[in-house]
Amino acid sequence: MDEMKYELLTELHGRMEADLLESYLEANGIDVELVQESIGHTIYPVTMDMLGRVQVFIPKEKAKAAKKLLEKFNSKE
């Protein structure tokens, strides 16, 4: 079986923050895949419990750079 090429970088509670992080990482040359329960991503987003959770996956070979960028992203809050 093939080895997974992506790894989990972080989990966020809300699509808007995930979209911002995705844009930030992609602007710095890192591909991003967002994974979210389908019910949490509607016109009326659900953020209670784990339904609003968004997982952010990045390529394994760029994990070190992505973690540094995540630290910078989180320090701007």
C-alpha atoms as a PDB file:
ATOM      1  CA  MET A   1       0.000   0.000   0.000  1.00  0.00           C
ATOM      2  CA  ASP A   2       1.236   3.489  -0.797  1.00  0.00           C
ATOM      3  CA  GLU A   3       2.438   5.674   2.017  1.00  0.00           C
ATOM      4  CA  MET A   4       0.343   8.719   2.831  1.00  0.00           C
ATOM      5  CA  LYS A   5       1.773  11.822   1.159  1.00  0.00           C
ATOM      6  CA  TYR A   6      -0.043  14.318   3.373  1.00  0.00           C
ATOM      7  CA  GLU A   7      -0.027  14.781   7.120  1.00  0.00           C
ATOM      8  CA  LEU A   8      -2.242  16.641   9.550  1.00  0.00           C
ATOM      9  CA  LEU A   9      -0.886  20.079  10.390  1.00  0.00           C
ATOM     10  CA  THR A  10      -3.642  21.299  12.697  1.00  0.00           C
ATOM     11  CA  GLU A  11      -7.363  21.285  13.425  1.00  0.00           C
ATOM     12  CA  LEU A  12      -9.339  24.486  13.557  1.00  0.00           C
ATOM     13  CA  HIS A  13     -12.839  25.252  14.784  1.00  0.00           C
ATOM     14  CA  GLY A  14     -14.361  27.132  11.888  1.00  0.00           C
ATOM     15  CA  ARG A  15     -14.111  27.284   8.134  1.00  0.00           C
ATOM     16  CA  MET A  16     -13.244  30.975   7.944  1.00  0.00           C
ATOM     17  CA  GLU A  17     -10.047  30.558   9.955  1.00  0.00           C
ATOM     18  CA  ALA A  18      -9.186  27.433   7.949  1.00  0.00           C
ATOM     19  CA  ASP A  19      -9.661  29.324   4.675  1.00  0.00           C
ATOM     20  CA  LEU A  20      -7.378  32.120   5.930  1.00  0.00           C
ATOM     21  CA  LEU A  21      -4.695  29.616   6.940  1.00  0.00           C
ATOM     22  CA  GLU A  22      -5.042  27.838   3.597  1.00  0.00           C
ATOM     23  CA  SER A  23      -4.513  31.114   1.715  1.00  0.00           C
ATOM     24  CA  TYR A  24      -1.521  32.004   3.900  1.00  0.00           C
ATOM     25  CA  LEU A  25       0.174  28.632   3.405  1.00  0.00           C
ATOM     26  CA  GLU A  26      -0.513  28.525  -0.331  1.00  0.00           C
ATOM     27  CA  ALA A  27       0.863  32.068  -0.730  1.00  0.00           C
ATOM     28  CA  ASN A  28       4.058  30.663   0.787  1.00  0.00           C
ATOM     29  CA  GLY A  29       4.235  27.714  -1.621  1.00  0.00           C
ATOM     30  CA  ILE A  30       2.611  24.983   0.473  1.00  0.00           C
ATOM     31  CA  ASP A  31      -0.290  22.966  -0.921  1.00  0.00           C
ATOM     32  CA  VAL A  32      -3.216  22.499   1.469  1.00  0.00           C
ATOM     33  CA  GLU A  33      -6.115  20.068   1.706  1.00  0.00           C
ATOM     34  CA  LEU A  34      -8.971  20.977   4.052  1.00  0.00           C
ATOM     35  CA  VAL A  35     -11.211  18.228   5.430  1.00  0.00           C
ATOM     36  CA  GLN A  36     -14.509  18.976   7.178  1.00  0.00           C
ATOM     37  CA  GLU A  37     -17.723  17.137   7.948  1.00  0.00           C
ATOM     38  CA  SER A  38     -20.217  18.050   5.247  1.00  0.00           C
ATOM     39  CA  ILE A  39     -22.812  19.300   7.731  1.00  0.00           C
ATOM     40  CA  GLY A  40     -20.328  21.803   9.124  1.00  0.00           C
ATOM     41  CA  HIS A  41     -19.819  23.477   5.751  1.00  0.00           C
ATOM     42  CA  THR A  42     -23.182  24.893   4.754  1.00  0.00           C
ATOM     43  CA  ILE A  43     -24.690  28.322   4.216  1.00  0.00           C
ATOM     44  CA  TYR A  44     -25.346  28.315   7.982  1.00  0.00           C
ATOM     45  CA  PRO A  45     -22.097  26.847   9.346  1.00  0.00           C
ATOM     46  CA  VAL A  46     -22.380  24.596  12.373  1.00  0.00           C
ATOM     47  CA  THR A  47     -19.606  25.123  14.911  1.00  0.00           C
ATOM     48  CA  MET A  48     -20.901  23.310  17.973  1.00  0.00           C
ATOM     49  CA  ASP A  49     -19.138  20.208  19.268  1.00  0.00           C
ATOM     50  CA  MET A  50     -16.886  18.761  16.567  1.00  0.00           C
ATOM     51  CA  LEU A  51     -19.077  19.600  13.551  1.00  0.00           C
ATOM     52  CA  GLY A  52     -17.285  22.849  12.800  1.00  0.00           C
ATOM     53  CA  ARG A  53     -13.858  21.237  13.033  1.00  0.00           C
ATOM     54  CA  VAL A  54     -11.663  21.589   9.950  1.00  0.00           C
ATOM     55  CA  GLN A  55      -8.536  19.479   9.533  1.00  0.00           C
ATOM     56  CA  VAL A  56      -5.638  21.058   7.652  1.00  0.00           C
ATOM     57  CA  PHE A  57      -3.400  18.620   5.758  1.00  0.00           C
ATOM     58  CA  ILE A  58      -0.102  19.507   4.088  1.00  0.00           C
ATOM     59  CA  PRO A  59       2.480  17.508   2.078  1.00  0.00           C
ATOM     60  CA  LYS A  60       4.834  15.592   4.379  1.00  0.00           C
ATOM     61  CA  GLU A  61       7.924  16.964   2.665  1.00  0.00           C
ATOM     62  CA  LYS A  62       6.867  20.517   3.535  1.00  0.00           C
ATOM     63  CA  ALA A  63       5.854  19.820   7.145  1.00  0.00           C
ATOM     64  CA  LYS A  64       8.774  21.675   8.747  1.00  0.00           C
ATOM     65  CA  ALA A  65       8.163  24.862   6.757  1.00  0.00           C
ATOM     66  CA  ALA A  66       4.401  24.605   7.301  1.00  0.00           C
ATOM     67  CA  LYS A  67       4.826  24.312  11.087  1.00  0.00           C
ATOM     68  CA  LYS A  68       6.979  27.455  11.144  1.00  0.00           C
ATOM     69  CA  LEU A  69       4.376  29.322   9.089  1.00  0.00           C
ATOM     70  CA  LEU A  70       1.618  28.053  11.392  1.00  0.00           C
ATOM     71  CA  GLU A  71       3.483  29.492  14.389  1.00  0.00           C
ATOM     72  CA  LYS A  72       3.675  32.879  12.634  1.00  0.00           C
ATOM     73  CA  PHE A  73       0.003  32.666  11.658  1.00  0.00           C
ATOM     74  CA  ASN A  74      -1.040  31.924  15.252  1.00  0.00           C
ATOM     75  CA  SER A  75       1.150  34.688  16.709  1.00  0.00           C
ATOM     76  CA  LYS A  76      -0.715  37.340  14.658  1.00  0.00           C
ATOM     77  CA  GLU A  77      -3.939  36.776  16.615  1.00  0.00           C
END
